[in-house]
Amino acid sequence: IVDVRSAEDFAKGSLPGARNMPAAAVKDRAGELKKDRPVIVVCNTGTTAGPAAAQLRAAGIADVFVLAGGLAAWREAGLPVRSA
């Protein structure tokens, strides 16, 4: 799970097991991810995650998914959020 929000937002709460990779750094840091493993991209509402997912696909990661509605929808559904 790749959280493309700012480090400040990530520190306020994230999906369990998520790693922070701010949207501006995705293109440069895509090599940190294993190309043979699925990646779920999450942001606040789902809008920033789409372009970030496209960058990961362009970097050769085949299975990239966007969490619909982002962290806001995750929280609204009552799912667990990891706090800093």
Protein backbone atom coordinates (compact mmCIF):
# COMPACT_ATOMS: atom_id res chain seq x y z
CA ILE A 1 0.00 0.00 0.00
CA VAL A 2 1.51 3.29 -1.10
CA ASP A 3 0.14 6.45 0.49
CA VAL A 4 0.87 9.43 -1.77
CA ARG A 5 -0.21 12.12 0.71
CA SER A 6 2.28 14.48 2.32
CA ALA A 7 4.40 13.21 5.19
CA GLU A 8 2.44 15.49 7.51
CA ASP A 9 -0.92 13.99 6.46
CA PHE A 10 0.52 10.47 6.60
CA ALA A 11 1.64 11.08 10.20
CA LYS A 12 -1.94 11.98 11.14
CA GLY A 13 -3.18 8.52 10.16
CA SER A 14 -2.82 5.95 7.39
CA LEU A 15 -3.92 2.52 6.30
CA PRO A 16 -2.29 -0.28 8.29
CA GLY A 17 0.85 -1.43 6.47
CA ALA A 18 1.04 1.62 4.20
CA ARG A 19 4.29 3.26 3.24
CA ASN A 20 4.49 6.98 2.55
CA MET A 21 5.66 8.07 -0.88
CA PRO A 22 4.44 11.64 -1.51
CA ALA A 23 2.93 12.16 -4.98
CA ALA A 24 5.75 14.45 -6.07
CA ALA A 25 8.28 11.68 -5.36
CA VAL A 26 6.48 8.71 -6.93
CA LYS A 27 8.25 8.87 -10.29
CA ASP A 28 11.70 9.03 -8.67
CA ARG A 29 10.97 6.44 -5.97
CA ALA A 30 9.05 3.84 -8.03
CA GLY A 31 12.17 1.67 -8.07
CA GLU A 32 11.73 1.06 -4.33
CA LEU A 33 8.70 -1.13 -5.08
CA LYS A 34 8.77 -4.72 -6.26
CA LYS A 35 7.45 -4.93 -9.81
CA ASP A 36 5.96 -8.40 -9.27
CA ARG A 37 3.74 -7.39 -6.33
CA PRO A 38 0.38 -5.61 -6.50
CA VAL A 39 0.32 -2.00 -5.32
CA ILE A 40 -2.66 -0.11 -3.91
CA VAL A 41 -2.30 3.66 -4.14
CA VAL A 42 -4.17 5.81 -1.64
CA CYS A 43 -4.56 9.56 -1.12
CA ASN A 44 -7.13 11.68 0.74
CA THR A 45 -10.07 11.34 -1.65
CA GLY A 46 -8.83 9.28 -4.61
CA THR A 47 -7.99 12.11 -6.99
CA THR A 48 -4.23 12.33 -6.47
CA ALA A 49 -3.81 8.57 -6.46
CA GLY A 50 -4.84 8.19 -10.13
CA PRO A 51 -1.91 10.09 -11.66
CA ALA A 52 0.48 8.48 -9.16
CA ALA A 53 -0.80 5.03 -10.17
CA ALA A 54 -0.20 5.90 -13.83
CA GLN A 55 3.40 6.80 -12.99
CA LEU A 56 3.90 3.47 -11.25
CA ARG A 57 2.46 1.60 -14.25
CA ALA A 58 4.81 3.56 -16.53
CA ALA A 59 7.68 2.44 -14.27
CA GLY A 60 6.83 -1.19 -15.03
CA ILE A 61 4.60 -2.17 -12.13
CA ALA A 62 1.75 -4.11 -13.73
CA ASP A 63 -0.76 -4.53 -10.91
CA VAL A 64 -1.52 -1.03 -9.63
CA PHE A 65 -4.87 -0.17 -8.08
CA VAL A 66 -6.36 3.05 -6.68
CA LEU A 67 -8.36 2.98 -3.45
CA ALA A 68 -11.68 4.48 -4.54
CA GLY A 69 -12.58 7.44 -2.34
CA GLY A 70 -9.18 7.41 -0.66
CA LEU A 71 -8.57 7.51 3.05
CA ALA A 72 -11.74 9.56 3.55
CA ALA A 73 -13.90 6.68 2.25
CA TRP A 74 -11.84 4.17 4.25
CA ARG A 75 -12.50 6.11 7.45
CA GLU A 76 -16.17 6.61 6.59
CA ALA A 77 -16.53 2.85 6.23
CA GLY A 78 -15.20 2.46 9.77
CA LEU A 79 -12.11 0.55 8.69
CA PRO A 80 -8.94 0.63 10.80
CA VAL A 81 -6.52 3.55 10.55
CA ARG A 82 -3.01 3.44 11.94
CA SER A 83 -2.08 6.52 13.93
CA ALA A 84 1.46 7.80 14.36
